[in-house]
Amino acid sequence: MPQPYEKYLQEILIDADTLQARIAELGRKISADYADYNSLLLICVLKGGVMFLTDLMRNISIPHEIDFMALSSYGKGARDSSGMVRVDMDLTADVAGKHVLIVEDIIDSGHTLSFLMRMLSARSPASLKLCTLLNKASRRVTPIQIDYMGFEIEDKFVFGYGLDLDEKFRNLPFIGVVKPESV
């Protein structure tokens, strides 16, 4: 029986095993880098970063806290890079004096993350770094310093593993490329 997502799937870009292996590597690296600190705070950018955060924190061996933010970038269309960003949900934790690691699903133009980095820097964290699962450097408009990266990908419309296709299919264990003709 065909799966509902199959009519949208052009190809599997990153399979589940490859995703989990890379996330385990990132968790080990983050654990080593923050081993001497006792105030690591992982900030997940909703909604897309939830699956990545969940698996990443299972692979981080040092004590840490988590919090969530929801941001919206908006403009004329889904691929508009106008740079307008709004905070839909702010943190509950105070980041002052803490080592903060932003956990993001994908970085595209860089506008949203640039906005977020400036906003959080103003709140006086001890350090502020960025971890992204996917990086679309070819679409970058605003420079972003990425400290931990899962995968560099081409400019393709992707879904699965937290990334949505019209708010659906975030639950897929892999990252797929959308058939251009299906959307």
Foldseek 3Di string as FASTA:
>chain_A
DDDPCVVFFPWFPWFLVLLLVLLLVLQVVVLVVCVPPQFEEEEEEPDLQVLSVVSNVVNNPHDYHYWYWYKDDDDDDPLDPPLDMDTPGDTPDQQAAGAYEYEYAEDAQCSVVVVVVVVNVVSHHPHYAYEYAEYAPVRHNDDDDHDHYNYYDHPFDKEECRRDDVNDRPPHSTIGGTDPVVD
